[in-house]
Structure formats: C-alpha cells, structure tokens
PDB file of N, CA and C in Angstrom:
ATOM      1  N   MET A   1       0.527  -1.123  -0.138  1.00  0.00           N
ATOM      2  CA  MET A   1       0.029   0.016   0.160  1.00  0.00           C
ATOM      3  C   MET A   1       0.692   1.258  -0.275  1.00  0.00           C
ATOM      4  N   LEU A   2       0.646   2.038  -0.724  1.00  0.00           N
ATOM      5  CA  LEU A   2       1.245   3.241  -0.771  1.00  0.00           C
ATOM      6  C   LEU A   2       0.152   4.660  -0.918  1.00  0.00           C
ATOM      7  N   SER A   3       0.692   5.344   0.481  1.00  0.00           N
ATOM      8  CA  SER A   3       0.151   6.370   0.812  1.00  0.00           C
ATOM      9  C   SER A   3       0.739   7.877   0.399  1.00  0.00           C
ATOM     10  N   VAL A   4      -0.005   8.841  -0.263  1.00  0.00           N
ATOM     11  CA  VAL A   4       0.880  10.011  -0.846  1.00  0.00           C
ATOM     12  C   VAL A   4      -0.043  11.162  -0.491  1.00  0.00           C
ATOM     13  N   ARG A   5       0.442  12.356   0.328  1.00  0.00           N
ATOM     14  CA  ARG A   5      -0.073  13.376   0.231  1.00  0.00           C
ATOM     15  C   ARG A   5       0.651  14.282  -0.805  1.00  0.00           C
ATOM     16  N   ILE A   6      -0.656  14.979  -1.387  1.00  0.00           N
ATOM     17  CA  ILE A   6      -0.405  15.992  -2.348  1.00  0.00           C
ATOM     18  C   ILE A   6      -1.491  17.125  -2.285  1.00  0.00           C
ATOM     19  N   ASP A   7      -0.855  18.474  -2.806  1.00  0.00           N
ATOM     20  CA  ASP A   7      -1.641  19.197  -3.021  1.00  0.00           C
ATOM     21  C   ASP A   7      -2.391  19.405  -3.813  1.00  0.00           C
ATOM     22  N   HIS A   8      -3.540  20.298  -3.848  1.00  0.00           N
ATOM     23  CA  HIS A   8      -4.589  20.519  -4.864  1.00  0.00           C
ATOM     24  C   HIS A   8      -4.256  20.714  -6.008  1.00  0.00           C
ATOM     25  N   GLU A   9      -3.086  21.584  -6.385  1.00  0.00           N
ATOM     26  CA  GLU A   9      -2.566  22.077  -7.639  1.00  0.00           C
ATOM     27  C   GLU A   9      -2.054  20.811  -8.479  1.00  0.00           C
ATOM     28  N   LEU A  10      -1.291  19.957  -7.603  1.00  0.00           N
ATOM     29  CA  LEU A  10      -0.729  18.879  -7.994  1.00  0.00           C
ATOM     30  C   LEU A  10      -1.853  17.635  -8.460  1.00  0.00           C
ATOM     31  N   LEU A  11      -2.898  17.880  -7.590  1.00  0.00           N
ATOM     32  CA  LEU A  11      -3.823  16.662  -7.914  1.00  0.00           C
ATOM     33  C   LEU A  11      -4.615  17.022  -8.839  1.00  0.00           C
ATOM     34  N   GLU A  12      -4.929  18.159  -9.264  1.00  0.00           N
ATOM     35  CA  GLU A  12      -5.605  18.770 -10.766  1.00  0.00           C
ATOM     36  C   GLU A  12      -4.754  18.369 -11.811  1.00  0.00           C
ATOM     37  N   ARG A  13      -3.426  18.565 -11.929  1.00  0.00           N
ATOM     38  CA  ARG A  13      -2.653  18.385 -12.867  1.00  0.00           C
ATOM     39  C   ARG A  13      -2.707  17.043 -13.263  1.00  0.00           C
ATOM     40  N   LEU A  14      -2.434  16.079 -12.041  1.00  0.00           N
ATOM     41  CA  LEU A  14      -2.317  14.547 -12.242  1.00  0.00           C
ATOM     42  C   LEU A  14      -4.033  14.142 -12.783  1.00  0.00           C
ATOM     43  N   ARG A  15      -4.763  14.630 -12.372  1.00  0.00           N
ATOM     44  CA  ARG A  15      -6.232  14.822 -13.040  1.00  0.00           C
ATOM     45  C   ARG A  15      -6.325  14.699 -14.640  1.00  0.00           C
ATOM     46  N   GLY A  16      -5.489  15.948 -15.111  1.00  0.00           N
ATOM     47  CA  GLY A  16      -5.509  16.248 -16.605  1.00  0.00           C
ATOM     48  C   GLY A  16      -4.826  15.314 -17.039  1.00  0.00           C
ATOM     49  N   HIS A  17      -3.622  14.719 -16.586  1.00  0.00           N
ATOM     50  CA  HIS A  17      -2.954  13.703 -17.286  1.00  0.00           C
ATOM     51  C   HIS A  17      -3.461  12.485 -17.468  1.00  0.00           C
ATOM     52  N   ALA A  18      -4.254  12.023 -16.306  1.00  0.00           N
ATOM     53  CA  ALA A  18      -4.573  10.981 -16.491  1.00  0.00           C
ATOM     54  C   ALA A  18      -6.088  10.793 -17.088  1.00  0.00           C
ATOM     55  N   ALA A  19      -6.952  12.113 -17.239  1.00  0.00           N
ATOM     56  CA  ALA A  19      -8.048  12.125 -18.165  1.00  0.00           C
ATOM     57  C   ALA A  19      -7.618  11.850 -19.732  1.00  0.00           C
ATOM     58  N   LYS A  20      -6.362  12.619 -20.098  1.00  0.00           N
ATOM     59  CA  LYS A  20      -6.052  12.249 -21.185  1.00  0.00           C
ATOM     60  C   LYS A  20      -5.718  11.198 -21.945  1.00  0.00           C
ATOM     61  N   ARG A  21      -5.373  10.247 -20.790  1.00  0.00           N
ATOM     62  CA  ARG A  21      -4.923   8.937 -21.392  1.00  0.00           C
ATOM     63  C   ARG A  21      -6.365   7.783 -20.875  1.00  0.00           C
ATOM     64  N   GLY A  22      -7.285   8.666 -20.625  1.00  0.00           N
ATOM     65  CA  GLY A  22      -8.678   7.781 -20.157  1.00  0.00           C
ATOM     66  C   GLY A  22      -8.115   6.644 -18.963  1.00  0.00           C
ATOM     67  N   MET A  23      -7.663   7.357 -17.838  1.00  0.00           N
ATOM     68  CA  MET A  23      -6.998   6.763 -17.016  1.00  0.00           C
ATOM     69  C   MET A  23      -7.681   7.299 -15.625  1.00  0.00           C
ATOM     70  N   SER A  24      -7.897   6.785 -14.221  1.00  0.00           N
ATOM     71  CA  SER A  24      -8.043   7.194 -13.061  1.00  0.00           C
ATOM     72  C   SER A  24      -6.520   7.612 -12.598  1.00  0.00           C
ATOM     73  N   VAL A  25      -6.623   8.597 -11.636  1.00  0.00           N
ATOM     74  CA  VAL A  25      -5.385   9.322 -11.159  1.00  0.00           C
ATOM     75  C   VAL A  25      -4.475   7.845 -10.443  1.00  0.00           C
ATOM     76  N   GLN A  26      -5.125   7.122  -9.702  1.00  0.00           N
ATOM     77  CA  GLN A  26      -4.474   6.187  -9.101  1.00  0.00           C
ATOM     78  C   GLN A  26      -3.765   5.376 -10.115  1.00  0.00           C
ATOM     79  N   ASP A  27      -4.486   4.817 -11.394  1.00  0.00           N
ATOM     80  CA  ASP A  27      -3.680   4.315 -12.151  1.00  0.00           C
ATOM     81  C   ASP A  27      -2.536   4.549 -13.123  1.00  0.00           C
ATOM     82  N   TYR A  28      -2.852   6.061 -13.315  1.00  0.00           N
ATOM     83  CA  TYR A  28      -2.013   6.965 -14.002  1.00  0.00           C
ATOM     84  C   TYR A  28      -0.651   6.890 -13.102  1.00  0.00           C
ATOM     85  N   VAL A  29      -0.926   7.105 -11.677  1.00  0.00           N
ATOM     86  CA  VAL A  29       0.255   7.124 -10.555  1.00  0.00           C
ATOM     87  C   VAL A  29       1.071   6.212 -10.574  1.00  0.00           C
ATOM     88  N   VAL A  30       0.499   4.817 -10.374  1.00  0.00           N
ATOM     89  CA  VAL A  30       1.227   3.588 -10.499  1.00  0.00           C
ATOM     90  C   VAL A  30       1.787   3.378 -11.771  1.00  0.00           C
ATOM     91  N   ARG A  31       1.236   3.497 -13.046  1.00  0.00           N
ATOM     92  CA  ARG A  31       1.802   3.311 -14.132  1.00  0.00           C
ATOM     93  C   ARG A  31       2.852   4.312 -14.477  1.00  0.00           C
ATOM     94  N   THR A  32       3.045   5.498 -13.808  1.00  0.00           N
ATOM     95  CA  THR A  32       4.227   6.370 -13.704  1.00  0.00           C
ATOM     96  C   THR A  32       5.468   5.626 -13.005  1.00  0.00           C
ATOM     97  N   LEU A  33       5.174   5.384 -11.808  1.00  0.00           N
ATOM     98  CA  LEU A  33       6.040   4.794 -10.742  1.00  0.00           C
ATOM     99  C   LEU A  33       6.751   3.539 -11.706  1.00  0.00           C
ATOM    100  N   ILE A  34       5.988   2.680 -12.307  1.00  0.00           N
ATOM    101  CA  ILE A  34       6.771   1.446 -12.911  1.00  0.00           C
ATOM    102  C   ILE A  34       7.223   1.694 -14.157  1.00  0.00           C
ATOM    103  N   ARG A  35       7.364   2.835 -14.660  1.00  0.00           N
ATOM    104  CA  ARG A  35       8.470   3.110 -15.787  1.00  0.00           C
ATOM    105  C   ARG A  35       9.638   2.700 -15.787  1.00  0.00           C
ATOM    106  N   ALA A  36      10.345   2.065 -16.717  1.00  0.00           N
ATOM    107  CA  ALA A  36      11.385   1.831 -16.724  1.00  0.00           C
ATOM    108  C   ALA A  36      12.261   2.807 -16.305  1.00  0.00           C
ATOM    109  N   ASP A  37      11.831   3.924 -16.733  1.00  0.00           N
ATOM    110  CA  ASP A  37      13.401   5.054 -16.593  1.00  0.00           C
ATOM    111  C   ASP A  37      12.797   6.050 -15.254  1.00  0.00           C
ATOM    112  N   PHE A  38      11.868   5.220 -14.173  1.00  0.00           N
ATOM    113  CA  PHE A  38      11.798   6.097 -13.029  1.00  0.00           C
ATOM    114  C   PHE A  38      12.783   6.341 -11.992  1.00  0.00           C
ATOM    115  N   ASP A  39      13.371   5.227 -11.993  1.00  0.00           N
ATOM    116  CA  ASP A  39      14.567   5.204 -11.086  1.00  0.00           C
ATOM    117  C   ASP A  39      15.369   6.234 -11.413  1.00  0.00           C
ATOM    118  N   GLU A  40      15.609   6.490 -12.462  1.00  0.00           N
ATOM    119  CA  GLU A  40      16.667   7.388 -13.020  1.00  0.00           C
ATOM    120  C   GLU A  40      16.055   8.549 -12.920  1.00  0.00           C
ATOM    121  N   ARG A  41      14.900   8.585 -13.363  1.00  0.00           N
ATOM    122  CA  ARG A  41      14.274  10.032 -13.386  1.00  0.00           C
ATOM    123  C   ARG A  41      14.000  10.675 -11.676  1.00  0.00           C
ATOM    124  N   PHE A  42      13.838   9.406 -10.945  1.00  0.00           N
ATOM    125  CA  PHE A  42      13.910   9.978  -9.438  1.00  0.00           C
ATOM    126  C   PHE A  42      15.030  10.164  -8.851  1.00  0.00           C
ATOM    127  N   GLN A  43      16.256   9.521  -9.088  1.00  0.00           N
ATOM    128  CA  GLN A  43      17.322   9.697  -8.432  1.00  0.00           C
ATOM    129  C   GLN A  43      17.860  11.316  -9.015  1.00  0.00           C
ATOM    130  N   ALA A  44      17.733  11.342 -10.266  1.00  0.00           N
ATOM    131  CA  ALA A  44      18.128  13.105 -10.861  1.00  0.00           C
ATOM    132  C   ALA A  44      17.504  14.321 -10.039  1.00  0.00           C
ATOM    133  N   ALA A  45      15.859  13.785  -9.629  1.00  0.00           N
ATOM    134  CA  ALA A  45      15.407  14.715  -8.894  1.00  0.00           C
ATOM    135  C   ALA A  45      15.859  14.720  -7.701  1.00  0.00           C
ATOM    136  N   VAL A  46      16.175  13.714  -7.060  1.00  0.00           N
ATOM    137  CA  VAL A  46      16.531  13.975  -5.633  1.00  0.00           C
ATOM    138  C   VAL A  46      17.931  14.695  -5.701  1.00  0.00           C
ATOM    139  N   GLU A  47      19.039  14.163  -6.498  1.00  0.00           N
ATOM    140  CA  GLU A  47      20.043  14.874  -6.554  1.00  0.00           C
ATOM    141  C   GLU A  47      20.032  16.364  -6.805  1.00  0.00           C
ATOM    142  N   GLU A  48      19.306  16.803  -7.643  1.00  0.00           N
ATOM    143  CA  GLU A  48      18.710  18.282  -7.983  1.00  0.00           C
ATOM    144  C   GLU A  48      17.970  19.000  -6.701  1.00  0.00           C
ATOM    145  N   THR A  49      17.468  18.017  -5.964  1.00  0.00           N
ATOM    146  CA  THR A  49      17.148  18.803  -4.639  1.00  0.00           C
ATOM    147  C   THR A  49      17.774  19.009  -3.788  1.00  0.00           C
ATOM    148  N   GLU A  50      18.878  18.059  -3.640  1.00  0.00           N
ATOM    149  CA  GLU A  50      20.046  18.304  -2.716  1.00  0.00           C
ATOM    150  C   GLU A  50      20.841  19.409  -3.185  1.00  0.00           C
ATOM    151  N   ARG A  51      21.245  19.644  -4.497  1.00  0.00           N
ATOM    152  CA  ARG A  51      21.806  20.681  -4.709  1.00  0.00           C
ATOM    153  C   ARG A  51      21.350  21.902  -4.497  1.00  0.00           C
ATOM    154  N   PHE A  52      19.951  21.954  -4.593  1.00  0.00           N
ATOM    155  CA  PHE A  52      19.197  23.080  -4.534  1.00  0.00           C
ATOM    156  C   PHE A  52      19.178  23.688  -2.945  1.00  0.00           C
ATOM    157  N   TYR A  53      19.059  22.530  -2.203  1.00  0.00           N
ATOM    158  CA  TYR A  53      19.135  23.258  -0.903  1.00  0.00           C
ATOM    159  C   TYR A  53      20.715  22.809  -0.024  1.00  0.00           C
ATOM    160  N   GLY A  54      21.731  22.536  -0.926  1.00  0.00           N
ATOM    161  CA  GLY A  54      23.267  22.653  -0.415  1.00  0.00           C
ATOM    162  C   GLY A  54      23.347  21.514   0.458  1.00  0.00           C
ATOM    163  N   VAL A  55      22.729  20.278   0.464  1.00  0.00           N
ATOM    164  CA  VAL A  55      22.534  18.963   1.011  1.00  0.00           C
ATOM    165  C   VAL A  55      24.484  18.447   0.721  1.00  0.00           C
ATOM    166  N   THR A  56      24.394  18.277  -0.846  1.00  0.00           N
ATOM    167  CA  THR A  56      25.722  17.650  -0.944  1.00  0.00           C
ATOM    168  C   THR A  56      26.660  18.666  -1.114  1.00  0.00           C
TER     169      THR A  56
END
C-alpha cells in the first residue's frame, strides 16, 4: 500500500494527465511509478533537490 499526500494544484495536474489517457489518477500514478526510467528520473530529482538545498 502506498499513501501519498499531495496539494490541490498537483492533484488537478494529475487528473488532467490521467484524463488525457482515459485513466484514473491512481492508475496513472502507478503506471508512472513502474516506468522503466522512473528510478533514473527519481534519482536525478533527488540530486537536483540536494544541490538546491546545499545538502551535497
């Protein structure tokens, strides 16, 4: 089970992306998470966030 808290603006964006593909928000998020390049994209986002906040 995965529980995620997101703000209203992000939820609306996800709804729009999901609707374009004829999917529910839940299905869209799961599909995005299992994409082959998700790990690489996630790692790049983490590194960018760390650089932004001066963690690294």
